[in-house]
Amino acid sequence: MRLFTAHPESVGETYFEHMQSALWFAGKLLAATLCCVVHAAFPFFFKGTGSRLIAELHDRMIVNRTRQH
C-alpha cells in the first residue's frame, strides 16, 4: 500500500487528490497535443492554443506548487 501513497503524501496530497491532479494534467496535455497536431496541418486553427495550455501547465505545476482546491 505504501507504494501507492508515498509520493502523493510527499507532495501534500491523498492518493485520490493526486490521481485527480494527474488526470487533470493528462487532459490538458492531451488537449494541447490535439491542438498542435491540428495546427500542424491547418496553421490557421488553434494559433497560440498549444502554447497557452503549456504555459498554464507550467504555471500550475512549477510556479504555484501548492495544492489548489
Protein backbone atom coordinates (compact mmCIF):
# COMPACT_ATOMS: atom_id res chain seq x y z
CA MET A 1 0.00 0.00 0.00
CA ARG A 2 2.87 2.38 0.77
CA LEU A 3 3.88 2.17 -2.88
CA PHE A 4 0.63 3.97 -3.78
CA THR A 5 0.70 6.61 -1.03
CA ALA A 6 4.35 7.61 -0.56
CA HIS A 7 4.61 10.01 -3.48
CA PRO A 8 1.19 11.67 -3.04
CA GLU A 9 1.98 12.25 0.65
CA SER A 10 5.34 13.77 -0.30
CA VAL A 11 3.50 16.49 -2.24
CA GLY A 12 0.80 17.01 0.39
CA GLU A 13 -1.99 15.08 -1.30
CA THR A 14 -4.01 11.95 -0.67
CA TYR A 15 -3.94 9.15 -3.23
CA PHE A 16 -7.23 10.30 -4.79
CA GLU A 17 -6.30 14.00 -4.76
CA HIS A 18 -3.08 13.11 -6.56
CA MET A 19 -4.99 10.95 -9.05
CA GLN A 20 -7.36 13.83 -9.78
CA SER A 21 -4.47 16.26 -10.25
CA ALA A 22 -2.53 13.87 -12.50
CA LEU A 23 -5.62 13.23 -14.63
CA TRP A 24 -6.23 16.99 -14.92
CA PHE A 25 -2.67 17.40 -16.23
CA ALA A 26 -3.12 14.45 -18.61
CA GLY A 27 -6.30 16.02 -20.00
CA LYS A 28 -4.60 19.36 -20.57
CA LEU A 29 -1.63 17.64 -22.22
CA LEU A 30 -3.97 15.68 -24.48
CA ALA A 31 -5.83 18.86 -25.44
CA ALA A 32 -2.54 20.67 -26.16
CA THR A 33 -1.33 17.71 -28.23
CA LEU A 34 -4.50 17.61 -30.31
CA CYS A 35 -4.42 21.37 -30.87
CA CYS A 36 -0.79 21.18 -32.01
CA VAL A 37 -1.49 18.27 -34.37
CA VAL A 38 -4.40 20.12 -35.98
CA HIS A 39 -2.34 23.34 -36.09
CA ALA A 40 0.50 21.50 -37.86
CA ALA A 41 -1.79 20.64 -40.78
CA PHE A 42 -4.01 23.73 -40.61
CA PRO A 43 -1.91 26.63 -39.29
CA PHE A 44 -4.93 28.93 -39.20
CA PHE A 45 -6.54 26.80 -36.44
CA PHE A 46 -5.53 26.94 -32.75
CA LYS A 47 -2.97 29.72 -33.15
CA GLY A 48 -1.39 30.02 -29.71
CA THR A 49 -3.67 27.47 -28.03
CA GLY A 50 -0.97 24.83 -27.53
CA SER A 51 1.47 27.33 -26.04
CA ARG A 52 -1.22 28.79 -23.79
CA LEU A 53 -2.10 25.37 -22.43
CA ILE A 54 1.58 24.52 -21.84
CA ALA A 55 2.08 27.86 -20.05
CA GLU A 56 -0.95 27.08 -17.87
CA LEU A 57 0.50 23.66 -17.03
CA HIS A 58 3.88 25.19 -16.18
CA ASP A 59 2.25 27.82 -14.01
CA ARG A 60 0.24 25.25 -12.06
CA MET A 61 3.00 22.65 -11.73
CA ILE A 62 6.14 24.75 -11.24
CA VAL A 63 5.30 28.33 -10.31
CA ASN A 64 2.39 27.59 -7.94
CA ARG A 65 3.29 24.25 -6.41
CA THR A 66 0.74 24.44 -3.58
CA ARG A 67 -2.33 22.25 -3.81
CA GLN A 68 -5.27 24.11 -5.36
CA HIS A 69 -8.71 23.16 -4.03
